[in-house]
């Protein structure tokens, strides 16, 4: 289970829900439903971390809630 903040929103342009992970540069996923976008984001987070480690790049520690509505 990851502890990174995920921002979830509807994108009319993409016609999908978007799940962004602001602490991991470029890390985002989409899906037809909120749950699908979140499930896809979990997979992308794992892949992002695995790739960063393979490349010897730092993996930031999760900070929790970053943005406030």
Protein backbone atom coordinates (compact mmCIF):
# COMPACT_ATOMS: atom_id res chain seq x y z
CA UNK A 1 0.00 0.00 0.00
CA UNK A 2 1.37 3.37 -0.96
CA UNK A 3 0.96 6.50 1.09
CA UNK A 4 1.31 9.09 -1.66
CA UNK A 5 -1.41 11.68 -2.15
CA UNK A 6 -3.52 10.99 -5.25
CA UNK A 7 -5.55 13.79 -6.81
CA UNK A 8 -8.58 12.43 -8.65
CA UNK A 9 -10.67 14.48 -11.10
CA UNK A 10 -12.82 14.17 -14.22
CA UNK A 11 -11.26 15.32 -17.49
CA UNK A 12 -13.76 16.15 -20.23
CA UNK A 13 -10.85 16.48 -22.65
CA UNK A 14 -9.74 12.89 -21.97
CA UNK A 15 -13.28 11.62 -21.28
CA UNK A 16 -11.88 9.83 -18.24
CA UNK A 17 -11.10 10.19 -14.56
CA UNK A 18 -7.48 11.24 -13.99
CA UNK A 19 -5.46 10.22 -10.93
CA UNK A 20 -2.31 12.33 -10.46
CA UNK A 21 0.45 11.69 -7.92
CA UNK A 22 2.05 15.11 -7.37
CA UNK A 23 5.00 13.84 -5.32
CA UNK A 24 6.18 11.57 -8.15
CA UNK A 25 6.99 13.67 -11.22
CA UNK A 26 4.95 12.64 -14.24
CA UNK A 27 3.11 9.91 -12.35
CA UNK A 28 -0.55 9.75 -13.40
CA UNK A 29 -3.15 7.28 -14.58
CA UNK A 30 -6.67 7.36 -15.95
CA UNK A 31 -9.78 5.23 -15.99
CA UNK A 32 -13.42 5.14 -17.04
CA UNK A 33 -14.47 5.16 -13.36
CA UNK A 34 -12.99 6.65 -10.20
CA UNK A 35 -12.10 3.18 -8.93
CA UNK A 36 -10.43 2.21 -12.19
CA UNK A 37 -8.34 5.40 -12.16
CA UNK A 38 -7.28 4.73 -8.55
CA UNK A 39 -6.45 1.09 -9.28
CA UNK A 40 -4.40 2.14 -12.30
CA UNK A 41 -2.65 4.83 -10.22
CA UNK A 42 -1.58 2.22 -7.65
CA UNK A 43 0.02 0.15 -10.42
CA UNK A 44 1.73 3.20 -11.95
CA UNK A 45 3.09 4.27 -8.55
CA UNK A 46 4.70 0.85 -8.09
CA UNK A 47 6.17 0.99 -11.60
CA UNK A 48 7.43 4.56 -11.04
CA UNK A 49 9.22 3.55 -7.83
CA UNK A 50 10.67 0.39 -9.39
CA UNK A 51 11.99 2.33 -12.39
CA UNK A 52 13.47 5.08 -10.22
CA UNK A 53 15.32 2.50 -8.12
CA UNK A 54 16.60 0.68 -11.22
CA UNK A 55 17.96 4.00 -12.54
CA UNK A 56 19.49 4.92 -9.18
CA UNK A 57 17.20 7.92 -8.77
CA UNK A 58 15.83 9.01 -5.40
CA UNK A 59 12.31 8.02 -4.38
CA UNK A 60 10.68 10.74 -2.28
CA UNK A 61 9.12 9.82 1.04
CA UNK A 62 5.33 10.32 1.09
CA UNK A 63 4.39 13.58 2.83
CA UNK A 64 0.66 12.97 3.18
CA UNK A 65 -1.83 15.66 2.28
CA UNK A 66 -0.21 18.36 0.18
CA UNK A 67 -3.12 20.40 -1.15
CA UNK A 68 -6.18 21.84 0.47
CA UNK A 69 -9.46 22.56 -1.31
